[in-house]
């Protein structure tokens, strides 16, 4: 199957991705409504969020350019100092943009 990626085809692709995203999010909430939230389930959910974060960051740190690595470093240092995610994210984006501009 092939969809043209210009004009109406792009809109169809975006709508399909939006529907799949909504289905997985709402489906997860529906399935979790049948699972009693015990201590073990709570631990699993907390561990999963950290593992997803690591799965996103590690490839960028290993395969990324110097801008990506310095952005990760700036984000980590800012987060450790301020303990607030928004300034840390802002610092990472700013460092990546600055390094790539120079």
Protein backbone atom coordinates (compact mmCIF):
# COMPACT_ATOMS: atom_id res chain seq x y z
CA UNK A 1 0.00 0.00 0.00
CA UNK A 2 1.30 3.44 -0.89
CA UNK A 3 -0.01 6.85 0.16
CA UNK A 4 1.09 10.04 -1.52
CA UNK A 5 2.90 12.20 1.05
CA UNK A 6 1.87 15.53 -0.41
CA UNK A 7 -1.47 17.26 -0.22
CA UNK A 8 -4.33 15.17 1.13
CA UNK A 9 -2.09 12.12 1.68
CA UNK A 10 -0.15 13.91 4.42
CA UNK A 11 -3.40 14.80 6.19
CA UNK A 12 -4.55 11.17 6.02
CA UNK A 13 -1.23 10.00 7.49
CA UNK A 14 -1.42 12.51 10.36
CA UNK A 15 -5.04 11.55 11.13
CA UNK A 16 -4.15 7.85 11.09
CA UNK A 17 -1.26 8.45 13.50
CA UNK A 18 -3.52 10.51 15.76
CA UNK A 19 -6.13 7.72 15.83
CA UNK A 20 -3.50 5.08 16.65
CA UNK A 21 -2.08 7.28 19.42
CA UNK A 22 -5.52 7.86 20.94
CA UNK A 23 -6.41 4.18 20.68
CA UNK A 24 -3.25 3.08 22.49
CA UNK A 25 -3.61 5.70 25.22
CA UNK A 26 -7.31 5.06 25.84
CA UNK A 27 -6.79 1.32 25.44
CA UNK A 28 -4.09 1.36 28.11
CA UNK A 29 -6.37 3.22 30.51
CA UNK A 30 -9.19 0.78 29.78
CA UNK A 31 -6.98 -2.28 30.37
CA UNK A 32 -5.50 -0.80 33.56
CA UNK A 33 -9.02 -0.24 34.92
CA UNK A 34 -9.16 -4.03 35.38
CA UNK A 35 -5.80 -4.26 37.17
CA UNK A 36 -5.78 -3.64 40.91
CA UNK A 37 -3.03 -1.15 41.75
CA UNK A 38 -0.99 -3.04 44.30
CA UNK A 39 2.47 -2.18 45.60
CA UNK A 40 4.11 -4.40 42.95
CA UNK A 41 2.12 -2.84 40.11
CA UNK A 42 3.04 0.63 41.37
CA UNK A 43 6.73 -0.35 41.43
CA UNK A 44 6.47 -1.77 37.92
CA UNK A 45 4.90 1.43 36.57
CA UNK A 46 7.56 3.58 38.22
CA UNK A 47 10.38 1.38 36.89
CA UNK A 48 8.91 1.40 33.40
CA UNK A 49 8.90 5.19 33.16
CA UNK A 50 12.62 5.26 34.01
CA UNK A 51 13.43 2.53 31.51
CA UNK A 52 11.59 4.38 28.74
CA UNK A 53 13.58 7.52 29.55
CA UNK A 54 16.86 5.58 29.42
CA UNK A 55 15.82 3.93 26.14
CA UNK A 56 15.36 7.38 24.62
CA UNK A 57 18.50 9.01 26.05
CA UNK A 58 21.16 6.30 25.61
CA UNK A 59 21.04 6.07 21.79
CA UNK A 60 21.28 9.86 21.60
CA UNK A 61 24.28 9.85 23.94
CA UNK A 62 26.01 7.04 22.04
CA UNK A 63 25.22 7.96 18.44
CA UNK A 64 24.52 11.69 18.75
CA UNK A 65 26.76 14.54 17.75
CA UNK A 66 28.55 16.86 20.16
CA UNK A 67 25.47 19.09 20.30
CA UNK A 68 23.33 16.22 21.55
CA UNK A 69 25.91 15.11 24.11
CA UNK A 70 26.45 18.62 25.46
CA UNK A 71 22.67 19.15 25.58
CA UNK A 72 22.30 15.99 27.66
CA UNK A 73 25.07 17.16 29.97
CA UNK A 74 23.54 20.63 30.35
CA UNK A 75 20.12 19.11 31.04
CA UNK A 76 21.52 16.75 33.67
CA UNK A 77 23.55 19.44 35.43
CA UNK A 78 20.64 21.89 35.43
CA UNK A 79 18.28 19.23 36.75
CA UNK A 80 20.69 18.30 39.54
CA UNK A 81 21.15 21.95 40.54
CA UNK A 82 17.60 23.27 40.23
CA UNK A 83 15.52 20.07 40.57
CA UNK A 84 13.03 21.48 38.04
CA UNK A 85 12.44 19.89 34.63
CA UNK A 86 11.41 22.96 32.60
CA UNK A 87 14.64 24.95 33.13
CA UNK A 88 16.63 21.75 32.52
CA UNK A 89 14.87 21.11 29.22
CA UNK A 90 15.31 24.76 28.25
CA UNK A 91 19.03 24.59 29.03
CA UNK A 92 19.42 21.43 26.95
CA UNK A 93 17.64 22.92 23.95
CA UNK A 94 19.62 26.16 24.23
CA UNK A 95 22.96 24.34 24.44
CA UNK A 96 22.10 22.09 21.48
CA UNK A 97 21.07 25.10 19.39
CA UNK A 98 24.16 27.08 20.38
CA UNK A 99 26.60 24.24 19.68
CA UNK A 100 25.01 23.45 16.33
CA UNK A 101 24.94 27.13 15.36
CA UNK A 102 28.67 27.46 16.01
